[in-house]
Protein backbone atom coordinates (compact mmCIF):
# COMPACT_ATOMS: atom_id res chain seq x y z
CA UNK A 1 53.86 -63.79 -97.48
CA UNK A 2 53.99 -62.01 -94.35
CA UNK A 3 54.49 -63.58 -91.00
CA UNK A 4 51.10 -64.22 -89.55
CA UNK A 5 50.16 -61.52 -86.62
CA UNK A 6 47.47 -62.61 -84.23
CA UNK A 7 45.14 -60.78 -81.67
CA UNK A 8 47.85 -62.84 -79.06
CA UNK A 9 50.70 -60.91 -80.64
CA UNK A 10 49.13 -57.62 -80.21
CA UNK A 11 48.01 -58.33 -76.78
CA UNK A 12 51.65 -59.71 -75.82
CA UNK A 13 53.22 -56.65 -77.30
CA UNK A 14 51.11 -54.34 -75.37
CA UNK A 15 50.62 -56.16 -72.11
CA UNK A 16 46.82 -56.46 -72.43
CA UNK A 17 44.32 -59.23 -72.71
CA UNK A 18 43.28 -60.75 -76.17
CA UNK A 19 39.84 -60.11 -75.46
CA UNK A 20 40.86 -56.32 -74.68
CA UNK A 21 42.62 -56.34 -78.16
CA UNK A 22 39.56 -58.14 -79.72
CA UNK A 23 37.19 -55.34 -78.55
CA UNK A 24 39.41 -52.79 -79.21
CA UNK A 25 39.61 -53.79 -82.97
CA UNK A 26 35.83 -53.90 -83.10
CA UNK A 27 35.72 -50.01 -81.82
CA UNK A 28 33.78 -51.49 -78.49
CA UNK A 29 33.22 -48.19 -76.34
CA UNK A 30 33.74 -49.85 -73.30
CA UNK A 31 37.66 -49.81 -74.08
CA UNK A 32 39.09 -46.51 -73.35
CA UNK A 33 40.26 -44.37 -76.64
CA UNK A 34 43.68 -44.31 -76.00
CA UNK A 35 43.89 -48.26 -75.62
CA UNK A 36 42.08 -48.38 -78.89
CA UNK A 37 44.13 -46.27 -80.40
CA UNK A 38 47.31 -47.96 -79.05
CA UNK A 39 45.98 -51.42 -80.45
CA UNK A 40 44.76 -49.78 -83.83
CA UNK A 41 48.45 -48.22 -84.35
CA UNK A 42 50.25 -51.51 -83.68
CA UNK A 43 47.89 -53.58 -85.60
CA UNK A 44 48.48 -51.25 -88.70
CA UNK A 45 51.97 -51.28 -88.03
CA UNK A 46 52.24 -55.09 -88.26
CA UNK A 47 49.63 -55.32 -91.00
CA UNK A 48 47.46 -57.40 -88.86
CA UNK A 49 44.36 -59.24 -90.71
CA UNK A 50 41.67 -60.88 -89.09
CA UNK A 51 41.51 -64.40 -88.54
CA UNK A 52 38.83 -64.89 -91.41
CA UNK A 53 40.86 -62.80 -93.64
CA UNK A 54 43.89 -64.55 -92.62
CA UNK A 55 42.72 -68.16 -93.55
CA UNK A 56 41.58 -67.02 -96.85
CA UNK A 57 45.22 -65.53 -97.52
CA UNK A 58 46.46 -69.04 -97.19
CA UNK A 59 44.46 -69.73 -100.26
CA UNK A 60 46.06 -70.00 -103.75
CA UNK A 61 43.63 -68.32 -105.49
CA UNK A 62 39.89 -66.85 -105.33
CA UNK A 63 39.84 -66.08 -108.82
CA UNK A 64 38.14 -62.53 -108.05
CA UNK A 65 39.71 -59.26 -108.92
CA UNK A 66 38.78 -56.17 -107.14
CA UNK A 67 38.38 -52.83 -109.29
CA UNK A 68 38.09 -49.61 -107.71
CA UNK A 69 36.79 -46.33 -109.91
CA UNK A 70 36.06 -42.89 -108.90
CA UNK A 71 32.25 -43.15 -109.95
CA UNK A 72 30.09 -45.76 -111.92
CA UNK A 73 27.90 -43.40 -113.19
CA UNK A 74 30.56 -41.67 -115.42
CA UNK A 75 30.80 -43.18 -118.99
CA UNK A 76 34.29 -43.18 -119.10
CA UNK A 77 34.56 -45.53 -116.12
CA UNK A 78 31.76 -47.65 -117.60
CA UNK A 79 33.69 -48.25 -120.77
CA UNK A 80 36.92 -48.94 -118.88
CA UNK A 81 35.44 -51.50 -116.41
CA UNK A 82 33.67 -53.48 -119.72
CA UNK A 83 37.35 -53.91 -121.19
CA UNK A 84 38.62 -55.16 -117.67
CA UNK A 85 35.74 -57.48 -117.25
CA UNK A 86 36.03 -58.86 -120.83
CA UNK A 87 39.65 -59.70 -120.33
CA UNK A 88 39.47 -61.03 -117.24
CA UNK A 89 36.39 -62.93 -117.67
CA UNK A 90 38.25 -64.67 -120.71
CA UNK A 91 41.01 -66.01 -118.23
CA UNK A 92 38.48 -67.13 -115.42
CA UNK A 93 38.48 -64.28 -113.17
CA UNK A 94 35.24 -62.18 -111.84
CA UNK A 95 35.53 -58.75 -111.19
CA UNK A 96 34.12 -57.23 -108.13
CA UNK A 97 33.33 -53.13 -108.71
CA UNK A 98 33.61 -50.62 -105.91
CA UNK A 99 33.61 -46.79 -106.30
CA UNK A 100 35.61 -44.38 -104.09
CA UNK A 101 33.55 -41.12 -105.08
CA UNK A 102 36.56 -39.33 -105.49
CA UNK A 103 37.44 -39.71 -102.01
CA UNK A 104 40.78 -41.45 -100.65
CA UNK A 105 39.11 -42.50 -97.53
CA UNK A 106 36.40 -44.22 -99.42
CA UNK A 107 38.97 -45.67 -101.40
CA UNK A 108 40.97 -46.86 -98.28
CA UNK A 109 38.06 -48.66 -97.33
CA UNK A 110 37.52 -50.29 -100.38
CA UNK A 111 40.85 -51.63 -100.34
CA UNK A 112 40.63 -52.96 -96.88
CA UNK A 113 37.52 -54.94 -97.81
CA UNK A 114 39.14 -56.44 -101.05
CA UNK A 115 42.03 -57.59 -98.98
CA UNK A 116 39.96 -59.07 -96.29
CA UNK A 117 37.94 -60.70 -98.74
CA UNK A 118 41.46 -62.09 -100.42
CA UNK A 119 40.93 -61.11 -104.03
CA UNK A 120 43.62 -62.24 -106.37
CA UNK A 121 44.54 -58.65 -107.59
CA UNK A 122 43.43 -54.94 -107.66
CA UNK A 123 42.95 -52.64 -110.47
CA UNK A 124 42.48 -48.83 -109.70
CA UNK A 125 41.89 -45.72 -111.16
CA UNK A 126 42.68 -43.11 -107.99
CA UNK A 127 40.11 -40.92 -106.61
CA UNK A 128 40.76 -37.08 -107.14
CA UNK A 129 41.94 -36.76 -103.27
CA UNK A 130 44.33 -39.36 -103.23
CA UNK A 131 47.52 -38.18 -102.18
CA UNK A 132 49.30 -40.90 -100.35
CA UNK A 133 49.67 -44.76 -101.28
CA UNK A 134 50.20 -46.81 -98.27
CA UNK A 135 47.00 -48.82 -98.67
CA UNK A 136 48.26 -50.29 -101.59
CA UNK A 137 51.92 -51.05 -100.40
CA UNK A 138 50.03 -53.10 -97.87
CA UNK A 139 48.37 -55.04 -100.30
CA UNK A 140 51.74 -56.08 -101.82
CA UNK A 141 52.97 -57.09 -98.75
CA UNK A 142 50.29 -59.99 -98.93
CA UNK A 143 51.13 -60.82 -102.36
CA UNK A 144 48.49 -59.07 -103.87
CA UNK A 145 49.50 -57.22 -106.92
CA UNK A 146 48.09 -53.55 -108.08
CA UNK A 147 47.56 -52.24 -111.23
CA UNK A 148 46.76 -48.56 -111.84
CA UNK A 149 44.95 -47.25 -114.95
CA UNK A 150 43.88 -44.03 -116.19
CA UNK A 151 44.42 -42.02 -113.21
CA UNK A 152 47.70 -43.21 -111.95
CA UNK A 153 49.88 -42.37 -108.97
CA UNK A 154 52.91 -39.71 -109.14
CA UNK A 155 56.30 -40.78 -107.72
CA UNK A 156 55.07 -44.25 -106.76
CA UNK A 157 56.74 -47.26 -108.46
CA UNK A 158 53.58 -49.63 -109.74
CA UNK A 159 52.06 -51.30 -112.69
CA UNK A 160 50.01 -48.57 -114.75
CA UNK A 161 48.14 -48.44 -117.76
CA UNK A 162 47.39 -44.79 -118.94
CA UNK A 163 46.38 -42.60 -121.78
CA UNK A 164 49.12 -40.28 -123.46
CA UNK A 165 47.27 -37.04 -124.20
CA UNK A 166 50.06 -35.35 -125.27
CA UNK A 167 49.31 -36.12 -129.20
CA UNK A 168 45.65 -35.37 -129.05
CA UNK A 169 46.08 -32.24 -126.90
CA UNK A 170 48.92 -30.71 -129.33
CA UNK A 171 46.46 -31.46 -132.17
CA UNK A 172 43.88 -29.63 -130.22
CA UNK A 173 46.06 -26.48 -129.58
CA UNK A 174 46.92 -26.36 -133.08
CA UNK A 175 43.34 -26.87 -134.16
CA UNK A 176 42.48 -23.86 -132.04
CA UNK A 177 45.28 -21.70 -133.49
CA UNK A 178 43.98 -22.26 -136.96
CA UNK A 179 40.57 -21.06 -135.96
CA UNK A 180 42.36 -17.81 -135.08
CA UNK A 181 41.98 -18.46 -131.25
CA UNK A 182 45.34 -17.06 -129.18
CA UNK A 183 44.04 -16.55 -125.87
CA UNK A 184 43.68 -20.22 -124.40
CA UNK A 185 43.19 -21.38 -120.97
CA UNK A 186 43.41 -24.73 -119.11
CA UNK A 187 40.90 -25.75 -116.60
CA UNK A 188 42.90 -28.65 -115.25
CA UNK A 189 42.05 -31.60 -112.83
CA UNK A 190 43.57 -32.34 -109.51
CA UNK A 191 47.35 -31.79 -108.70
CA UNK A 192 47.96 -35.30 -107.33
CA UNK A 193 47.37 -36.90 -110.33
CA UNK A 194 49.96 -37.77 -113.21
CA UNK A 195 47.21 -37.09 -116.00
CA UNK A 196 46.90 -33.52 -114.54
CA UNK A 197 50.58 -33.09 -114.93
CA UNK A 198 50.72 -34.43 -118.45
CA UNK A 199 47.93 -31.96 -119.54
CA UNK A 200 49.59 -29.02 -117.84
CA UNK A 201 52.93 -29.84 -119.40
CA UNK A 202 51.94 -30.38 -122.88
CA UNK A 203 49.75 -27.11 -122.92
CA UNK A 204 52.86 -25.05 -121.69
CA UNK A 205 54.88 -26.69 -124.25
CA UNK A 206 52.05 -26.29 -127.00
CA UNK A 207 51.73 -22.86 -126.07
CA UNK A 208 55.64 -22.07 -126.16
CA UNK A 209 55.74 -23.62 -129.57
CA UNK A 210 52.95 -21.61 -131.09
CA UNK A 211 54.50 -18.39 -129.56
CA UNK A 212 51.10 -17.69 -127.67
CA UNK A 213 51.17 -16.30 -124.24
CA UNK A 214 49.57 -17.51 -120.97
CA UNK A 215 49.57 -16.70 -117.35
CA UNK A 216 48.77 -18.22 -113.80
CA UNK A 217 45.03 -16.58 -114.08
CA UNK A 218 44.53 -19.06 -117.41
CA UNK A 219 45.62 -22.11 -115.44
CA UNK A 220 43.23 -23.52 -112.93
CA UNK A 221 42.74 -26.94 -111.13
CA UNK A 222 39.37 -28.15 -110.33
CA UNK A 223 38.83 -30.96 -107.93
CA UNK A 224 36.40 -32.38 -110.45
CA UNK A 225 33.15 -31.76 -108.50
CA UNK A 226 30.67 -29.68 -109.91
CA UNK A 227 30.72 -26.88 -107.26
CA UNK A 228 34.27 -26.56 -107.77
CA UNK A 229 34.29 -26.58 -111.43
CA UNK A 230 31.59 -23.58 -111.06
CA UNK A 231 33.71 -21.54 -108.98
CA UNK A 232 36.77 -21.99 -111.24
CA UNK A 233 35.06 -21.35 -114.28
CA UNK A 234 33.31 -18.25 -112.80
CA UNK A 235 36.41 -16.96 -111.88
CA UNK A 236 37.81 -17.35 -115.36
CA UNK A 237 35.06 -15.57 -117.03
CA UNK A 238 35.45 -12.67 -114.61
CA UNK A 239 38.67 -11.99 -115.94
CA UNK A 240 39.50 -8.78 -117.63
CA UNK A 241 41.14 -10.26 -120.27
CA UNK A 242 38.80 -13.14 -120.90
CA UNK A 243 40.36 -16.19 -122.64
CA UNK A 244 38.87 -17.02 -126.21
CA UNK A 245 39.13 -21.03 -125.42
CA UNK A 246 39.28 -23.41 -122.52
CA UNK A 247 40.82 -26.70 -122.51
CA UNK A 248 38.86 -28.41 -119.79
CA UNK A 249 40.11 -31.65 -118.21
CA UNK A 250 37.44 -34.11 -119.17
CA UNK A 251 34.22 -33.93 -121.29
CA UNK A 252 32.18 -33.68 -117.67
CA UNK A 253 34.22 -30.90 -116.50
CA UNK A 254 33.44 -29.26 -120.07
CA UNK A 255 29.72 -29.69 -119.72
CA UNK A 256 29.46 -28.36 -115.98
CA UNK A 257 31.70 -25.31 -117.47
CA UNK A 258 29.50 -24.77 -120.64
CA UNK A 259 26.61 -24.63 -118.57
CA UNK A 260 27.59 -21.65 -116.50
CA UNK A 261 28.83 -19.86 -119.96
CA UNK A 262 25.29 -19.91 -121.19
CA UNK A 263 23.93 -18.93 -117.93
CA UNK A 264 26.24 -15.76 -118.49
CA UNK A 265 24.22 -15.03 -121.76
CA UNK A 266 27.81 -15.79 -123.64
CA UNK A 267 27.55 -17.42 -126.98
CA UNK A 268 29.43 -20.92 -127.42
CA UNK A 269 32.06 -21.16 -130.02
CA UNK A 270 31.50 -17.71 -130.64
CA UNK A 271 32.20 -15.80 -127.19
CA UNK A 272 34.33 -18.79 -125.90
CA UNK A 273 34.99 -22.21 -126.93
CA UNK A 274 35.77 -25.55 -125.41
CA UNK A 275 38.08 -28.40 -126.08
CA UNK A 276 38.08 -31.61 -123.50
CA UNK A 277 39.21 -34.73 -123.15
CA UNK A 278 37.76 -38.43 -123.41
CA UNK A 279 35.19 -38.20 -126.22
CA UNK A 280 32.44 -39.89 -124.61
CA UNK A 281 29.53 -40.62 -126.80
CA UNK A 282 27.04 -38.60 -124.66
CA UNK A 283 28.77 -35.13 -126.07
CA UNK A 284 26.81 -36.67 -129.20
CA UNK A 285 23.73 -36.01 -127.68
CA UNK A 286 23.94 -32.67 -126.27
CA UNK A 287 23.12 -29.46 -128.21
CA UNK A 288 26.09 -27.42 -126.78
CA UNK A 289 29.07 -29.48 -126.13
CA UNK A 290 32.86 -29.08 -126.77
CA UNK A 291 34.09 -28.21 -129.99
CA UNK A 292 36.37 -31.04 -130.02
CA UNK A 293 37.75 -33.76 -127.59
CA UNK A 294 40.75 -35.82 -127.26
CA UNK A 295 39.69 -39.53 -127.72
CA UNK A 296 41.39 -41.52 -124.81
CA UNK A 297 39.98 -44.91 -125.40
CA UNK A 298 38.75 -46.27 -122.00
CA UNK A 299 37.88 -49.64 -123.23
CA UNK A 300 41.43 -50.32 -124.41
CA UNK A 301 42.87 -48.80 -121.27
CA UNK A 302 40.84 -51.27 -119.13
CA UNK A 303 41.48 -54.29 -121.56
CA UNK A 304 45.25 -53.65 -121.04
CA UNK A 305 44.97 -53.02 -117.40
CA UNK A 306 43.10 -56.56 -117.23
CA UNK A 307 45.92 -57.92 -119.35
CA UNK A 308 48.81 -56.54 -117.26
CA UNK A 309 47.34 -57.85 -114.23
CA UNK A 310 46.52 -61.52 -115.58
CA UNK A 311 50.23 -61.55 -116.52
CA UNK A 312 51.48 -60.74 -113.04
CA UNK A 313 49.08 -63.07 -111.27
CA UNK A 314 50.10 -66.01 -113.74
CA UNK A 315 53.87 -65.12 -112.67
CA UNK A 316 53.78 -64.13 -109.10
CA UNK A 317 57.74 -63.52 -109.31
CA UNK A 318 56.67 -60.28 -111.46
CA UNK A 319 55.00 -58.65 -108.70
CA UNK A 320 57.61 -56.11 -108.20
CA UNK A 321 58.61 -55.92 -111.85
CA UNK A 322 56.72 -52.75 -112.45
CA UNK A 323 56.02 -51.35 -115.93
CA UNK A 324 53.79 -49.11 -118.07
CA UNK A 325 51.67 -49.51 -120.91
CA UNK A 326 50.37 -46.33 -122.56
CA UNK A 327 47.54 -45.85 -125.10
CA UNK A 328 48.05 -42.90 -127.57
CA UNK A 329 45.29 -40.52 -127.86
CA UNK A 330 43.99 -38.80 -130.88
CA UNK A 331 41.99 -35.46 -131.54
CA UNK A 332 38.30 -35.94 -132.32
CA UNK A 333 36.38 -32.99 -133.85
CA UNK A 334 32.79 -32.93 -133.43
CA UNK A 335 30.58 -33.19 -136.43
CA UNK A 336 33.20 -34.78 -138.39
């Protein structure tokens, strides 16, 4: 547990009154901007937590776990949360859910809220824009373990549970090849995510092994918003050497892209074919969906994340004994 830092500590170090520090931390406009900035910077560097939160930090447990996911409306994350809740509930913990809406700043605010509420641990699926992890390191300084699931960080030592898409994607490339498709593009996700790296590397290896050519024009990234997906698919469709198939980052990206394809008057699975990831049940209820999808088993990912976090909470000395668990993927062909 970190040494307690109080308002008086900050006031003494800056040579100002505790009341000025208190007002500055609350953003009171009566305190000059430069003073507010100095107070905020020092408070952050000292890992200051308000008195109410500090009192909570002295307790052994609250039997609550914070869960941060990009979006609650996506079926993938609903299934992931169900897995988390089932495991935590069986072990006497309550999950509190927050959504980042794929924005790192919202994610930071959610993490700060959970710190002040003194959750026992945190399970996170990263936002599409998260490219730094200081807000998670701060939690661990207070003995609050973090488990990342599905969307996990790159180059950041941590507990993580993810889907390995390699087996499913390799099967998908072979499936497209057997259908006579040779020109295959990749509409990938944000570059900050480990899952985007895995898709790209597997795609490149698979294309090489099948002796198929690709090019930078065939490899695009979307920030997962509908607007950016539309922009990327329109640019792909304008290529002189248009691809015959597109591998999309997930089912939602595929469905947004398919809508553009139809608006352009192209025939799905004739002029262009889509393969995606997640194999969400919603794709069974749309007339024109991806021809195949890589099943990633979100409920199992959530369950394993809950089990991993519970294990760390049961043995606090393991908080830095980082490990990874992987759920294998399989290709699911529509109609089979």
